[in-house]
Amino acid sequence: MKVICLIEISSCLVKHTEVTQKYISELTELKKSKDYMQPDKTYFCISYFFLRLFSLPDCH
């Protein structure tokens, strides 16, 4: 039982890491573009990241 739980936690952490890396790369791309100066787009990017982060099914 503990092994299964640890596997699920590990899987969840891997998914969080993948989402975080994707977010960082998207934010980097956004900084390179002129759209970075538009707060709406930056806010959308950050909101999307948190939405993805909290909606991972394995973490609940």
PDB file of N, CA and C in Angstrom:
ATOM      1  N   MET A   1       0.824  -1.201   0.000  1.00  0.00           N
ATOM      2  CA  MET A   1       0.000   0.000   0.000  1.00  0.00           C
ATOM      3  C   MET A   1       0.867   1.264   0.000  1.00  0.00           C
ATOM      4  N   LYS A   2       1.912   1.262   0.811  1.00  0.00           N
ATOM      5  CA  LYS A   2       2.806   2.423   0.862  1.00  0.00           C
ATOM      6  C   LYS A   2       3.531   2.621  -0.466  1.00  0.00           C
ATOM      7  N   VAL A   3       3.885   1.521  -1.109  1.00  0.00           N
ATOM      8  CA  VAL A   3       4.592   1.608  -2.396  1.00  0.00           C
ATOM      9  C   VAL A   3       3.699   2.261  -3.443  1.00  0.00           C
ATOM     10  N   ILE A   4       2.442   1.848  -3.492  1.00  0.00           N
ATOM     11  CA  ILE A   4       1.488   2.423  -4.449  1.00  0.00           C
ATOM     12  C   ILE A   4       1.334   3.922  -4.192  1.00  0.00           C
ATOM     13  N   CYS A   5       1.230   4.277  -2.933  1.00  0.00           N
ATOM     14  CA  CYS A   5       1.086   5.691  -2.564  1.00  0.00           C
ATOM     15  C   CYS A   5       2.318   6.480  -2.999  1.00  0.00           C
ATOM     16  N   LEU A   6       3.493   5.939  -2.774  1.00  0.00           N
ATOM     17  CA  LEU A   6       4.731   6.613  -3.166  1.00  0.00           C
ATOM     18  C   LEU A   6       4.829   6.766  -4.678  1.00  0.00           C
ATOM     19  N   ILE A   7       4.390   5.751  -5.402  1.00  0.00           N
ATOM     20  CA  ILE A   7       4.397   5.818  -6.867  1.00  0.00           C
ATOM     21  C   ILE A   7       3.470   6.931  -7.337  1.00  0.00           C
ATOM     22  N   GLU A   8       2.292   7.021  -6.732  1.00  0.00           N
ATOM     23  CA  GLU A   8       1.338   8.074  -7.105  1.00  0.00           C
ATOM     24  C   GLU A   8       1.895   9.458  -6.792  1.00  0.00           C
ATOM     25  N   ILE A   9       2.526   9.602  -5.640  1.00  0.00           N
ATOM     26  CA  ILE A   9       3.124  10.890  -5.270  1.00  0.00           C
ATOM     27  C   ILE A   9       4.249  11.241  -6.243  1.00  0.00           C
ATOM     28  N   SER A  10       5.078  10.269  -6.584  1.00  0.00           N
ATOM     29  CA  SER A  10       6.171  10.499  -7.532  1.00  0.00           C
ATOM     30  C   SER A  10       5.635  10.922  -8.886  1.00  0.00           C
ATOM     31  N   SER A  11       4.595  10.238  -9.330  1.00  0.00           N
ATOM     32  CA  SER A  11       3.967  10.562 -10.609  1.00  0.00           C
ATOM     33  C   SER A  11       3.434  11.988 -10.592  1.00  0.00           C
ATOM     34  N   CYS A  12       2.822  12.347  -9.500  1.00  0.00           N
ATOM     35  CA  CYS A  12       2.270  13.694  -9.343  1.00  0.00           C
ATOM     36  C   CYS A  12       3.386  14.733  -9.395  1.00  0.00           C
ATOM     37  N   LEU A  13       4.477  14.484  -8.703  1.00  0.00           N
ATOM     38  CA  LEU A  13       5.598  15.422  -8.690  1.00  0.00           C
ATOM     39  C   LEU A  13       6.219  15.572 -10.071  1.00  0.00           C
ATOM     40  N   VAL A  14       6.306  14.481 -10.802  1.00  0.00           N
ATOM     41  CA  VAL A  14       6.839  14.530 -12.165  1.00  0.00           C
ATOM     42  C   VAL A  14       5.952  15.413 -13.032  1.00  0.00           C
ATOM     43  N   LYS A  15       4.635  15.238 -12.908  1.00  0.00           N
ATOM     44  CA  LYS A  15       3.705  16.056 -13.696  1.00  0.00           C
ATOM     45  C   LYS A  15       3.824  17.526 -13.315  1.00  0.00           C
ATOM     46  N   HIS A  16       3.957  17.812 -12.026  1.00  0.00           N
ATOM     47  CA  HIS A  16       4.128  19.199 -11.580  1.00  0.00           C
ATOM     48  C   HIS A  16       5.395  19.791 -12.189  1.00  0.00           C
ATOM     49  N   THR A  17       6.470  18.997 -12.204  1.00  0.00           N
ATOM     50  CA  THR A  17       7.741  19.460 -12.762  1.00  0.00           C
ATOM     51  C   THR A  17       7.605  19.748 -14.245  1.00  0.00           C
ATOM     52  N   GLU A  18       6.923  18.861 -14.966  1.00  0.00           N
ATOM     53  CA  GLU A  18       6.722  19.057 -16.404  1.00  0.00           C
ATOM     54  C   GLU A  18       5.932  20.330 -16.672  1.00  0.00           C
ATOM     55  N   VAL A  19       4.877  20.540 -15.902  1.00  0.00           N
ATOM     56  CA  VAL A  19       4.046  21.736 -16.082  1.00  0.00           C
ATOM     57  C   VAL A  19       4.862  22.988 -15.758  1.00  0.00           C
ATOM     58  N   THR A  20       5.643  22.921 -14.686  1.00  0.00           N
ATOM     59  CA  THR A  20       6.466  24.067 -14.294  1.00  0.00           C
ATOM     60  C   THR A  20       7.489  24.395 -15.371  1.00  0.00           C
ATOM     61  N   GLN A  21       8.153  23.367 -15.915  1.00  0.00           N
ATOM     62  CA  GLN A  21       9.137  23.592 -16.976  1.00  0.00           C
ATOM     63  C   GLN A  21       8.481  24.187 -18.214  1.00  0.00           C
ATOM     64  N   LYS A  22       7.296  23.701 -18.542  1.00  0.00           N
ATOM     65  CA  LYS A  22       6.573  24.232 -19.698  1.00  0.00           C
ATOM     66  C   LYS A  22       6.216  25.691 -19.461  1.00  0.00           C
ATOM     67  N   TYR A  23       5.762  25.989 -18.252  1.00  0.00           N
ATOM     68  CA  TYR A  23       5.407  27.369 -17.911  1.00  0.00           C
ATOM     69  C   TYR A  23       6.617  28.287 -18.029  1.00  0.00           C
ATOM     70  N   ILE A  24       7.760  27.846 -17.499  1.00  0.00           N
ATOM     71  CA  ILE A  24       8.979  28.658 -17.553  1.00  0.00           C
ATOM     72  C   ILE A  24       9.402  28.900 -19.001  1.00  0.00           C
ATOM     73  N   SER A  25       9.326  27.871 -19.827  1.00  0.00           N
ATOM     74  CA  SER A  25       9.706  28.048 -21.230  1.00  0.00           C
ATOM     75  C   SER A  25       8.738  28.981 -21.950  1.00  0.00           C
ATOM     76  N   GLU A  26       7.439  28.872 -21.637  1.00  0.00           N
ATOM     77  CA  GLU A  26       6.456  29.768 -22.251  1.00  0.00           C
ATOM     78  C   GLU A  26       6.677  31.207 -21.797  1.00  0.00           C
ATOM     79  N   LEU A  27       6.994  31.381 -20.540  1.00  0.00           N
ATOM     80  CA  LEU A  27       7.241  32.723 -20.021  1.00  0.00           C
ATOM     81  C   LEU A  27       8.499  33.315 -20.655  1.00  0.00           C
ATOM     82  N   THR A  28       9.510  32.480 -20.866  1.00  0.00           N
ATOM     83  CA  THR A  28      10.737  32.927 -21.525  1.00  0.00           C
ATOM     84  C   THR A  28      10.442  33.378 -22.948  1.00  0.00           C
ATOM     85  N   GLU A  29       9.638  32.594 -23.651  1.00  0.00           N
ATOM     86  CA  GLU A  29       9.246  32.965 -25.016  1.00  0.00           C
ATOM     87  C   GLU A  29       8.446  34.265 -25.009  1.00  0.00           C
ATOM     88  N   LEU A  30       7.604  34.392 -24.016  1.00  0.00           N
ATOM     89  CA  LEU A  30       6.770  35.585 -23.904  1.00  0.00           C
ATOM     90  C   LEU A  30       7.638  36.825 -23.673  1.00  0.00           C
ATOM     91  N   LYS A  31       8.681  36.674 -22.862  1.00  0.00           N
ATOM     92  CA  LYS A  31       9.593  37.792 -22.600  1.00  0.00           C
ATOM     93  C   LYS A  31      10.322  38.210 -23.872  1.00  0.00           C
ATOM     94  N   LYS A  32      10.635  37.250 -24.726  1.00  0.00           N
ATOM     95  CA  LYS A  32      11.345  37.547 -25.972  1.00  0.00           C
ATOM     96  C   LYS A  32      10.463  38.309 -26.952  1.00  0.00           C
ATOM     97  N   SER A  33       9.177  38.073 -26.860  1.00  0.00           N
ATOM     98  CA  SER A  33       8.257  38.728 -27.791  1.00  0.00           C
ATOM     99  C   SER A  33       7.820  40.087 -27.256  1.00  0.00           C
ATOM    100  N   LYS A  34       7.271  40.881 -28.121  1.00  0.00           N
ATOM    101  CA  LYS A  34       6.805  42.213 -27.726  1.00  0.00           C
ATOM    102  C   LYS A  34       5.511  42.122 -26.920  1.00  0.00           C
ATOM    103  N   ASP A  35       4.850  40.995 -26.993  1.00  0.00           N
ATOM    104  CA  ASP A  35       3.589  40.816 -26.267  1.00  0.00           C
ATOM    105  C   ASP A  35       3.791  40.815 -24.754  1.00  0.00           C
ATOM    106  N   TYR A  36       5.030  40.657 -24.329  1.00  0.00           N
ATOM    107  CA  TYR A  36       5.311  40.618 -22.890  1.00  0.00           C
ATOM    108  C   TYR A  36       4.882  41.916 -22.203  1.00  0.00           C
ATOM    109  N   MET A  37       4.893  42.998 -22.951  1.00  0.00           N
ATOM    110  CA  MET A  37       4.523  44.289 -22.381  1.00  0.00           C
ATOM    111  C   MET A  37       3.013  44.427 -22.184  1.00  0.00           C
ATOM    112  N   GLN A  38       2.268  43.495 -22.701  1.00  0.00           N
ATOM    113  CA  GLN A  38       0.819  43.525 -22.533  1.00  0.00           C
ATOM    114  C   GLN A  38       0.441  42.722 -21.290  1.00  0.00           C
ATOM    115  N   PRO A  39      -0.008  43.380 -20.238  1.00  0.00           N
ATOM    116  CA  PRO A  39      -0.294  42.682 -18.977  1.00  0.00           C
ATOM    117  C   PRO A  39      -1.358  41.596 -19.097  1.00  0.00           C
ATOM    118  N   ASP A  40      -2.315  41.790 -19.999  1.00  0.00           N
ATOM    119  CA  ASP A  40      -3.379  40.795 -20.148  1.00  0.00           C
ATOM    120  C   ASP A  40      -2.822  39.438 -20.545  1.00  0.00           C
ATOM    121  N   LYS A  41      -1.888  39.447 -21.467  1.00  0.00           N
ATOM    122  CA  LYS A  41      -1.331  38.187 -21.952  1.00  0.00           C
ATOM    123  C   LYS A  41      -0.476  37.519 -20.871  1.00  0.00           C
ATOM    124  N   THR A  42       0.298  38.309 -20.151  1.00  0.00           N
ATOM    125  CA  THR A  42       1.116  37.774 -19.061  1.00  0.00           C
ATOM    126  C   THR A  42       0.221  37.190 -17.976  1.00  0.00           C
ATOM    127  N   TYR A  43      -0.827  37.914 -17.632  1.00  0.00           N
ATOM    128  CA  TYR A  43      -1.774  37.451 -16.616  1.00  0.00           C
ATOM    129  C   TYR A  43      -2.428  36.146 -17.056  1.00  0.00           C
ATOM    130  N   PHE A  44      -2.783  36.065 -18.330  1.00  0.00           N
ATOM    131  CA  PHE A  44      -3.397  34.854 -18.861  1.00  0.00           C
ATOM    132  C   PHE A  44      -2.440  33.672 -18.748  1.00  0.00           C
ATOM    133  N   CYS A  45      -1.186  33.905 -19.074  1.00  0.00           N
ATOM    134  CA  CYS A  45      -0.168  32.854 -19.017  1.00  0.00           C
ATOM    135  C   CYS A  45      -0.012  32.336 -17.584  1.00  0.00           C
ATOM    136  N   ILE A  46       0.062  33.249 -16.624  1.00  0.00           N
ATOM    137  CA  ILE A  46       0.210  32.865 -15.215  1.00  0.00           C
ATOM    138  C   ILE A  46      -1.044  32.141 -14.720  1.00  0.00           C
ATOM    139  N   SER A  47      -2.203  32.656 -15.098  1.00  0.00           N
ATOM    140  CA  SER A  47      -3.464  32.022 -14.696  1.00  0.00           C
ATOM    141  C   SER A  47      -3.572  30.615 -15.258  1.00  0.00           C
ATOM    142  N   TYR A  48      -3.172  30.472 -16.512  1.00  0.00           N
ATOM    143  CA  TYR A  48      -3.218  29.165 -17.161  1.00  0.00           C
ATOM    144  C   TYR A  48      -2.308  28.181 -16.434  1.00  0.00           C
ATOM    145  N   PHE A  49      -1.129  28.642 -16.038  1.00  0.00           N
ATOM    146  CA  PHE A  49      -0.186  27.791 -15.323  1.00  0.00           C
ATOM    147  C   PHE A  49      -0.796  27.279 -14.020  1.00  0.00           C
ATOM    148  N   PHE A  50      -1.384  28.181 -13.237  1.00  0.00           N
ATOM    149  CA  PHE A  50      -1.966  27.769 -11.964  1.00  0.00           C
ATOM    150  C   PHE A  50      -3.184  26.875 -12.159  1.00  0.00           C
ATOM    151  N   LEU A  51      -3.938  27.149 -13.182  1.00  0.00           N
ATOM    152  CA  LEU A  51      -5.090  26.308 -13.489  1.00  0.00           C
ATOM    153  C   LEU A  51      -4.633  24.886 -13.802  1.00  0.00           C
ATOM    154  N   ARG A  52      -3.596  24.769 -14.612  1.00  0.00           N
ATOM    155  CA  ARG A  52      -3.049  23.455 -14.966  1.00  0.00           C
ATOM    156  C   ARG A  52      -2.469  22.770 -13.727  1.00  0.00           C
ATOM    157  N   LEU A  53      -1.787  23.536 -12.911  1.00  0.00           N
ATOM    158  CA  LEU A  53      -1.134  22.996 -11.728  1.00  0.00           C
ATOM    159  C   LEU A  53      -2.143  22.404 -10.747  1.00  0.00           C
ATOM    160  N   PHE A  54      -3.237  23.114 -10.530  1.00  0.00           N
ATOM    161  CA  PHE A  54      -4.220  22.671  -9.547  1.00  0.00           C
ATOM    162  C   PHE A  54      -5.244  21.697 -10.103  1.00  0.00           C
ATOM    163  N   SER A  55      -5.259  21.522 -11.409  1.00  0.00           N
ATOM    164  CA  SER A  55      -6.251  20.618 -11.993  1.00  0.00           C
ATOM    165  C   SER A  55      -5.672  19.252 -12.352  1.00  0.00           C
ATOM    166  N   LEU A  56      -4.461  18.962 -11.887  1.00  0.00           N
ATOM    167  CA  LEU A  56      -3.887  17.643 -12.143  1.00  0.00           C
ATOM    168  C   LEU A  56      -4.645  16.599 -11.324  1.00  0.00           C
ATOM    169  N   PRO A  57      -5.248  15.630 -11.980  1.00  0.00           N
ATOM    170  CA  PRO A  57      -6.108  14.664 -11.282  1.00  0.00           C
ATOM    171  C   PRO A  57      -5.384  13.776 -10.280  1.00  0.00           C
ATOM    172  N   ASP A  58      -4.106  13.487 -10.499  1.00  0.00           N
ATOM    173  CA  ASP A  58      -3.384  12.573  -9.617  1.00  0.00           C
ATOM    174  C   ASP A  58      -3.029  13.200  -8.275  1.00  0.00           C
ATOM    175  N   CYS A  59      -3.197  14.478  -8.163  1.00  0.00           N
ATOM    176  CA  CYS A  59      -2.740  15.167  -6.956  1.00  0.00           C
ATOM    177  C   CYS A  59      -3.826  15.322  -5.905  1.00  0.00           C
ATOM    178  N   HIS A  60      -5.015  14.861  -6.188  1.00  0.00           N
ATOM    179  CA  HIS A  60      -6.118  15.065  -5.238  1.00  0.00           C
ATOM    180  C   HIS A  60      -6.424  13.796  -4.487  1.00  0.00           C
TER     181      HIS A  60
END
